[in-house]
Amino acid sequence: MDVSDPRQARVLKKLLDYWKLDRPAIVLHDIGNSYGMIAYYDEGCRYERIAFVSAAMLNPCVTAATLHAQKYIEAYRTMPNWIYEQILEARIRSTTFKPIQNVARLAYMKPFQGDLGQAVWYNRVAQIDPRHTDRLERQLGPLDVPVRIIWGTDDTWIPVDQAVRLQRILGGPTLSLIEGGGHFLMEDAPEEVTRHLIDFLNEPAVAQKTATIVKR
């Protein structure tokens, strides 16, 4: 199954067409940022405003664990499932700065458990291609709609310095940093993320360009 970034962007375009959404406000997280912006540049999608959360759209944006799996992909695909599921659990636990709640951990793991889940997980890993990200980075620049970047200061998947770099590339939009937030920022700081998103989605069309640190 093709689950590459360009394919996901085409799916997003078809979804927005199906829903008849010409210029939705959009909130993007992790690799969803790449899907959303490839859809913008290559598929003609347009947004009323964009929130980039823990954005995986600048290289390097994959972890050492993912790079290792890509290098030895057949070994990972064929390892006993009980070993794979221990790796899966460790990967899910690493998404947050604080210990992830069991109910959330189990929910994130569920789609990727069993032999089929293992195949799905490593099918995606095998198709992560930095060339797609390099191409997107060359396209990125200041946008003519309100933009907000939201990032955790303790993101171990994509370090916070990428937030500053993205802010610079996009021409200085508002950057909101949440202390004690990991990569799955919504799990570490749901109230803060919700507050930032509500403020952003309700603010006037021209966003104030500032950098803030939210202390927890």
C-alpha atoms as a PDB file:
ATOM      1  CA  MET A   1       0.000   0.000   0.000  1.00  0.00           C
ATOM      2  CA  ASP A   2       1.274   3.441  -0.957  1.00  0.00           C
ATOM      3  CA  VAL A   3       1.328   5.558   2.200  1.00  0.00           C
ATOM      4  CA  SER A   4       4.001   8.016   1.037  1.00  0.00           C
ATOM      5  CA  ASP A   5       3.761  11.710   1.851  1.00  0.00           C
ATOM      6  CA  PRO A   6       2.602  12.700  -1.680  1.00  0.00           C
ATOM      7  CA  ARG A   7      -0.063   9.984  -1.616  1.00  0.00           C
ATOM      8  CA  GLN A   8      -1.348  11.167   1.764  1.00  0.00           C
ATOM      9  CA  ALA A   9      -1.495  14.727   0.415  1.00  0.00           C
ATOM     10  CA  ARG A  10      -3.643  13.561  -2.508  1.00  0.00           C
ATOM     11  CA  VAL A  11      -5.955  11.741  -0.094  1.00  0.00           C
ATOM     12  CA  LEU A  12      -6.295  14.942   1.958  1.00  0.00           C
ATOM     13  CA  LYS A  13      -7.180  16.891  -1.192  1.00  0.00           C
ATOM     14  CA  LYS A  14      -9.890  14.361  -2.086  1.00  0.00           C
ATOM     15  CA  LEU A  15     -11.221  14.443   1.476  1.00  0.00           C
ATOM     16  CA  LEU A  16     -11.534  18.239   1.490  1.00  0.00           C
ATOM     17  CA  ASP A  17     -13.228  18.101  -1.924  1.00  0.00           C
ATOM     18  CA  TYR A  18     -15.644  15.459  -0.637  1.00  0.00           C
ATOM     19  CA  TRP A  19     -16.487  17.614   2.361  1.00  0.00           C
ATOM     20  CA  LYS A  20     -16.743  20.702   0.079  1.00  0.00           C
ATOM     21  CA  LEU A  21     -14.270  22.634   2.217  1.00  0.00           C
ATOM     22  CA  ASP A  22     -12.602  25.279   0.045  1.00  0.00           C
ATOM     23  CA  ARG A  23     -10.584  27.094   2.735  1.00  0.00           C
ATOM     24  CA  PRO A  24     -10.777  25.310   6.083  1.00  0.00           C
ATOM     25  CA  ALA A  25      -8.792  26.268   9.135  1.00  0.00           C
ATOM     26  CA  ILE A  26      -6.416  23.350   9.596  1.00  0.00           C
ATOM     27  CA  VAL A  27      -4.433  22.000  12.546  1.00  0.00           C
ATOM     28  CA  LEU A  28      -1.522  19.763  11.568  1.00  0.00           C
ATOM     29  CA  HIS A  29       0.519  17.493  13.857  1.00  0.00           C
ATOM     30  CA  ASP A  30       3.773  15.585  13.270  1.00  0.00           C
ATOM     31  CA  ILE A  31       3.928  14.149   9.720  1.00  0.00           C
ATOM     32  CA  GLY A  32       0.470  15.579   9.102  1.00  0.00           C
ATOM     33  CA  ASN A  33       2.278  18.893   8.605  1.00  0.00           C
ATOM     34  CA  SER A  34       4.023  17.452   5.547  1.00  0.00           C
ATOM     35  CA  TYR A  35       0.768  16.023   4.195  1.00  0.00           C
ATOM     36  CA  GLY A  36      -1.037  19.316   4.662  1.00  0.00           C
ATOM     37  CA  MET A  37       1.639  21.481   3.090  1.00  0.00           C
ATOM     38  CA  ILE A  38       2.375  19.140   0.177  1.00  0.00           C
ATOM     39  CA  ALA A  39      -1.366  19.315  -0.466  1.00  0.00           C
ATOM     40  CA  TYR A  40      -1.061  23.126  -0.354  1.00  0.00           C
ATOM     41  CA  TYR A  41       1.856  23.413  -2.757  1.00  0.00           C
ATOM     42  CA  ASP A  42       1.223  20.455  -5.086  1.00  0.00           C
ATOM     43  CA  GLU A  43      -2.518  19.746  -4.919  1.00  0.00           C
ATOM     44  CA  GLY A  44      -3.903  23.280  -4.757  1.00  0.00           C
ATOM     45  CA  CYS A  45      -5.441  23.032  -1.261  1.00  0.00           C
ATOM     46  CA  ARG A  46      -6.008  26.385   0.406  1.00  0.00           C
ATOM     47  CA  TYR A  47      -6.519  27.093   4.104  1.00  0.00           C
ATOM     48  CA  GLU A  48      -8.067  29.953   6.040  1.00  0.00           C
ATOM     49  CA  ARG A  49      -5.334  29.583   8.699  1.00  0.00           C
ATOM     50  CA  ILE A  50      -2.767  26.946   9.682  1.00  0.00           C
ATOM     51  CA  ALA A  51      -1.544  25.662  13.047  1.00  0.00           C
ATOM     52  CA  PHE A  52       1.695  23.677  12.904  1.00  0.00           C
ATOM     53  CA  VAL A  53       2.049  21.416  15.966  1.00  0.00           C
ATOM     54  CA  SER A  54       5.302  19.460  16.557  1.00  0.00           C
ATOM     55  CA  ALA A  55       5.873  19.715  12.827  1.00  0.00           C
ATOM     56  CA  ALA A  56       7.702  16.968  10.933  1.00  0.00           C
ATOM     57  CA  MET A  57       8.443  18.854   7.746  1.00  0.00           C
ATOM     58  CA  LEU A  58      12.101  19.872   7.990  1.00  0.00           C
ATOM     59  CA  ASN A  59      15.001  17.434   7.827  1.00  0.00           C
ATOM     60  CA  PRO A  60      16.102  15.711   9.938  1.00  0.00           C
ATOM     61  CA  CYS A  61      12.644  14.777  11.194  1.00  0.00           C
ATOM     62  CA  VAL A  62      12.959  11.051  11.854  1.00  0.00           C
ATOM     63  CA  THR A  63      14.343   9.487  15.005  1.00  0.00           C
ATOM     64  CA  ALA A  64      17.393   7.251  15.318  1.00  0.00           C
ATOM     65  CA  ALA A  65      15.028   4.339  15.962  1.00  0.00           C
ATOM     66  CA  THR A  66      13.263   4.903  12.638  1.00  0.00           C
ATOM     67  CA  LEU A  67      16.544   5.227  10.756  1.00  0.00           C
ATOM     68  CA  HIS A  68      17.739   1.948  12.268  1.00  0.00           C
ATOM     69  CA  ALA A  69      14.498   0.233  11.268  1.00  0.00           C
ATOM     70  CA  GLN A  70      14.845   1.504   7.714  1.00  0.00           C
ATOM     71  CA  LYS A  71      18.395   0.169   7.505  1.00  0.00           C
ATOM     72  CA  TYR A  72      17.354  -3.302   8.660  1.00  0.00           C
ATOM     73  CA  ILE A  73      13.756  -3.228   7.444  1.00  0.00           C
ATOM     74  CA  GLU A  74      13.420  -6.941   6.637  1.00  0.00           C
ATOM     75  CA  ALA A  75      14.650  -7.907  10.088  1.00  0.00           C
ATOM     76  CA  TYR A  76      12.051  -5.652  11.671  1.00  0.00           C
ATOM     77  CA  ARG A  77       9.292  -6.880   9.368  1.00  0.00           C
ATOM     78  CA  THR A  78      10.017 -10.529  10.131  1.00  0.00           C
ATOM     79  CA  MET A  79      10.938 -10.433  13.827  1.00  0.00           C
ATOM     80  CA  PRO A  80       8.623 -12.347  16.191  1.00  0.00           C
ATOM     81  CA  ASN A  81       5.561 -10.262  16.897  1.00  0.00           C
ATOM     82  CA  TRP A  82       6.030 -10.329  20.675  1.00  0.00           C
ATOM     83  CA  ILE A  83       9.446  -8.663  20.254  1.00  0.00           C
ATOM     84  CA  TYR A  84       8.011  -6.094  17.855  1.00  0.00           C
ATOM     85  CA  GLU A  85       5.242  -5.184  20.292  1.00  0.00           C
ATOM     86  CA  GLN A  86       7.813  -4.406  22.988  1.00  0.00           C
ATOM     87  CA  ILE A  87       9.523  -2.059  20.526  1.00  0.00           C
ATOM     88  CA  LEU A  88       6.147  -0.536  19.646  1.00  0.00           C
ATOM     89  CA  GLU A  89       5.361   0.115  23.298  1.00  0.00           C
ATOM     90  CA  ALA A  90       8.767   1.728  23.854  1.00  0.00           C
ATOM     91  CA  ARG A  91       8.204   3.962  20.821  1.00  0.00           C
ATOM     92  CA  ILE A  92       4.790   5.073  22.066  1.00  0.00           C
ATOM     93  CA  ARG A  93       6.164   5.771  25.548  1.00  0.00           C
ATOM     94  CA  SER A  94       8.869   7.983  24.016  1.00  0.00           C
ATOM     95  CA  THR A  95       6.318  10.320  22.434  1.00  0.00           C
ATOM     96  CA  THR A  96       5.636  12.170  25.693  1.00  0.00           C
ATOM     97  CA  PHE A  97       7.804  13.941  28.260  1.00  0.00           C
ATOM     98  CA  LYS A  98       5.652  12.882  31.205  1.00  0.00           C
ATOM     99  CA  PRO A  99       4.671   9.204  31.582  1.00  0.00           C
ATOM    100  CA  ILE A 100       1.857   8.582  29.143  1.00  0.00           C
ATOM    101  CA  GLN A 101      -1.445   7.462  30.656  1.00  0.00           C
ATOM    102  CA  ASN A 102      -2.218   3.782  30.116  1.00  0.00           C
ATOM    103  CA  VAL A 103      -5.520   4.452  28.369  1.00  0.00           C
ATOM    104  CA  ALA A 104      -3.756   6.681  25.816  1.00  0.00           C
ATOM    105  CA  ARG A 105      -0.837   4.272  25.400  1.00  0.00           C
ATOM    106  CA  LEU A 106      -3.177   1.369  24.658  1.00  0.00           C
ATOM    107  CA  ALA A 107      -5.232   3.451  22.223  1.00  0.00           C
ATOM    108  CA  TYR A 108      -2.140   4.465  20.246  1.00  0.00           C
ATOM    109  CA  MET A 109      -0.847   0.885  20.175  1.00  0.00           C
ATOM    110  CA  LYS A 110      -4.092  -0.821  19.183  1.00  0.00           C
ATOM    111  CA  PRO A 111      -4.012  -0.167  15.388  1.00  0.00           C
ATOM    112  CA  PHE A 112      -0.446  -1.500  15.192  1.00  0.00           C
ATOM    113  CA  GLN A 113      -0.706  -4.692  17.224  1.00  0.00           C
ATOM    114  CA  GLY A 114      -0.594  -8.222  15.853  1.00  0.00           C
ATOM    115  CA  ASP A 115       0.979  -9.392  12.607  1.00  0.00           C
ATOM    116  CA  LEU A 116      -1.100  -7.008  10.510  1.00  0.00           C
ATOM    117  CA  GLY A 117      -0.213  -4.058  12.748  1.00  0.00           C
ATOM    118  CA  GLN A 118       3.474  -4.923  12.453  1.00  0.00           C
ATOM    119  CA  ALA A 119       3.182  -5.022   8.661  1.00  0.00           C
ATOM    120  CA  VAL A 120       1.353  -1.681   8.606  1.00  0.00           C
ATOM    121  CA  TRP A 121       3.910  -0.015  10.920  1.00  0.00           C
ATOM    122  CA  TYR A 122       6.964  -1.043   8.906  1.00  0.00           C
ATOM    123  CA  ASN A 123       5.249  -0.416   5.586  1.00  0.00           C
ATOM    124  CA  ARG A 124       5.053   3.221   6.648  1.00  0.00           C
ATOM    125  CA  VAL A 125       8.603   3.232   8.038  1.00  0.00           C
ATOM    126  CA  ALA A 126       9.930   1.873   4.735  1.00  0.00           C
ATOM    127  CA  GLN A 127       8.245   4.687   2.797  1.00  0.00           C
ATOM    128  CA  ILE A 128       9.554   7.611   4.841  1.00  0.00           C
ATOM    129  CA  ASP A 129      11.706   9.420   2.283  1.00  0.00           C
ATOM    130  CA  PRO A 130      13.776  12.495   3.230  1.00  0.00           C
ATOM    131  CA  ARG A 131      13.660  13.613  -0.398  1.00  0.00           C
ATOM    132  CA  HIS A 132       9.980  14.497   0.009  1.00  0.00           C
ATOM    133  CA  THR A 133      10.859  16.602   3.056  1.00  0.00           C
ATOM    134  CA  ASP A 134      13.792  18.280   1.274  1.00  0.00           C
ATOM    135  CA  ARG A 135      11.513  19.228  -1.616  1.00  0.00           C
ATOM    136  CA  LEU A 136       8.876  20.605   0.733  1.00  0.00           C
ATOM    137  CA  GLU A 137      11.450  22.647   2.648  1.00  0.00           C
ATOM    138  CA  ARG A 138      12.548  24.288  -0.611  1.00  0.00           C
ATOM    139  CA  GLN A 139       8.923  25.283  -1.245  1.00  0.00           C
ATOM    140  CA  LEU A 140       8.273  26.683   2.218  1.00  0.00           C
ATOM    141  CA  GLY A 141       8.178  30.419   2.797  1.00  0.00           C
ATOM    142  CA  PRO A 142       6.010  33.184   4.280  1.00  0.00           C
ATOM    143  CA  LEU A 143       2.296  32.474   3.906  1.00  0.00           C
ATOM    144  CA  ASP A 144      -0.548  34.929   3.309  1.00  0.00           C
ATOM    145  CA  VAL A 145      -2.760  33.454   6.049  1.00  0.00           C
ATOM    146  CA  PRO A 146      -2.475  33.454   9.862  1.00  0.00           C
ATOM    147  CA  VAL A 147      -0.003  30.864  11.121  1.00  0.00           C
ATOM    148  CA  ARG A 148       0.720  29.540  14.607  1.00  0.00           C
ATOM    149  CA  ILE A 149       3.565  27.181  15.541  1.00  0.00           C
ATOM    150  CA  ILE A 150       3.064  25.168  18.746  1.00  0.00           C
ATOM    151  CA  TRP A 151       5.889  23.034  20.150  1.00  0.00           C
ATOM    152  CA  GLY A 152       6.974  21.304  23.323  1.00  0.00           C
ATOM    153  CA  THR A 153      10.296  22.338  24.822  1.00  0.00           C
ATOM    154  CA  ASP A 154      11.061  18.692  25.685  1.00  0.00           C
ATOM    155  CA  ASP A 155      10.232  17.072  22.360  1.00  0.00           C
ATOM    156  CA  THR A 156      12.732  14.214  21.939  1.00  0.00           C
ATOM    157  CA  TRP A 157      11.470  13.217  18.493  1.00  0.00           C
ATOM    158  CA  ILE A 158      11.886  16.616  16.806  1.00  0.00           C
ATOM    159  CA  PRO A 159      13.923  19.036  18.938  1.00  0.00           C
ATOM    160  CA  VAL A 160      12.554  22.483  19.660  1.00  0.00           C
ATOM    161  CA  ASP A 161      15.304  24.192  17.642  1.00  0.00           C
ATOM    162  CA  GLN A 162      13.393  23.067  14.561  1.00  0.00           C
ATOM    163  CA  ALA A 163      10.474  25.201  15.745  1.00  0.00           C
ATOM    164  CA  VAL A 164      12.705  28.279  15.677  1.00  0.00           C
ATOM    165  CA  ARG A 165      14.054  27.286  12.283  1.00  0.00           C
ATOM    166  CA  LEU A 166      10.527  26.811  10.927  1.00  0.00           C
ATOM    167  CA  GLN A 167       9.481  30.164  12.358  1.00  0.00           C
ATOM    168  CA  ARG A 168      12.341  31.824  10.491  1.00  0.00           C
ATOM    169  CA  ILE A 169      11.526  30.060   7.191  1.00  0.00           C
ATOM    170  CA  LEU A 170       7.860  31.064   7.439  1.00  0.00           C
ATOM    171  CA  GLY A 171       8.716  34.720   8.012  1.00  0.00           C
ATOM    172  CA  GLY A 172       8.248  35.016  11.779  1.00  0.00           C
ATOM    173  CA  PRO A 173       4.746  33.807  12.699  1.00  0.00           C
ATOM    174  CA  THR A 174       3.717  33.381  16.322  1.00  0.00           C
ATOM    175  CA  LEU A 175       5.653  30.610  18.074  1.00  0.00           C
ATOM    176  CA  SER A 176       4.147  29.196  21.265  1.00  0.00           C
ATOM    177  CA  LEU A 177       6.480  26.966  23.276  1.00  0.00           C
ATOM    178  CA  ILE A 178       5.046  24.801  26.028  1.00  0.00           C
ATOM    179  CA  GLU A 179       7.482  23.847  28.759  1.00  0.00           C
ATOM    180  CA  GLY A 180       7.481  20.187  29.721  1.00  0.00           C
ATOM    181  CA  GLY A 181       5.808  19.161  26.480  1.00  0.00           C
ATOM    182  CA  GLY A 182       6.997  16.210  24.435  1.00  0.00           C
ATOM    183  CA  HIS A 183       6.252  15.250  20.847  1.00  0.00           C
ATOM    184  CA  PHE A 184       2.688  14.125  21.533  1.00  0.00           C
ATOM    185  CA  LEU A 185       2.099  17.534  23.030  1.00  0.00           C
ATOM    186  CA  MET A 186      -1.647  16.984  23.349  1.00  0.00           C
ATOM    187  CA  GLU A 187      -1.003  14.194  25.863  1.00  0.00           C
ATOM    188  CA  ASP A 188       1.508  16.152  27.969  1.00  0.00           C
ATOM    189  CA  ALA A 189      -0.339  19.477  27.990  1.00  0.00           C
ATOM    190  CA  PRO A 190      -3.909  19.117  26.686  1.00  0.00           C
ATOM    191  CA  GLU A 191      -5.241  22.254  28.402  1.00  0.00           C
ATOM    192  CA  GLU A 192      -2.425  24.471  27.127  1.00  0.00           C
ATOM    193  CA  VAL A 193      -2.652  23.140  23.589  1.00  0.00           C
ATOM    194  CA  THR A 194      -6.427  23.590  23.590  1.00  0.00           C
ATOM    195  CA  ARG A 195      -6.111  27.159  24.868  1.00  0.00           C
ATOM    196  CA  HIS A 196      -3.545  28.073  22.205  1.00  0.00           C
ATOM    197  CA  LEU A 197      -5.658  26.553  19.447  1.00  0.00           C
ATOM    198  CA  ILE A 198      -8.868  28.246  20.577  1.00  0.00           C
ATOM    199  CA  ASP A 199      -7.071  31.594  20.768  1.00  0.00           C
ATOM    200  CA  PHE A 200      -5.550  31.067  17.339  1.00  0.00           C
ATOM    201  CA  LEU A 201      -8.743  29.904  15.654  1.00  0.00           C
ATOM    202  CA  ASN A 202     -10.661  32.893  17.060  1.00  0.00           C
ATOM    203  CA  GLU A 203      -8.102  35.645  16.537  1.00  0.00           C
ATOM    204  CA  PRO A 204      -8.372  38.270  13.768  1.00  0.00           C
ATOM    205  CA  ALA A 205      -7.095  37.453  10.308  1.00  0.00           C
ATOM    206  CA  VAL A 206      -3.715  39.134  10.889  1.00  0.00           C
ATOM    207  CA  ALA A 207      -1.799  37.270  13.603  1.00  0.00           C
ATOM    208  CA  GLN A 208       0.607  39.096  15.902  1.00  0.00           C
ATOM    209  CA  LYS A 209       4.138  37.817  15.393  1.00  0.00           C
ATOM    210  CA  THR A 210       5.525  37.004  18.812  1.00  0.00           C
ATOM    211  CA  ALA A 211       7.347  34.243  20.619  1.00  0.00           C
ATOM    212  CA  THR A 212       6.009  33.034  23.960  1.00  0.00           C
ATOM    213  CA  ILE A 213       6.967  30.423  26.528  1.00  0.00           C
ATOM    214  CA  VAL A 214       4.147  28.908  28.531  1.00  0.00           C
ATOM    215  CA  LYS A 215       5.394  27.752  31.925  1.00  0.00           C
ATOM    216  CA  ARG A 216       3.713  24.793  33.562  1.00  0.00           C
END
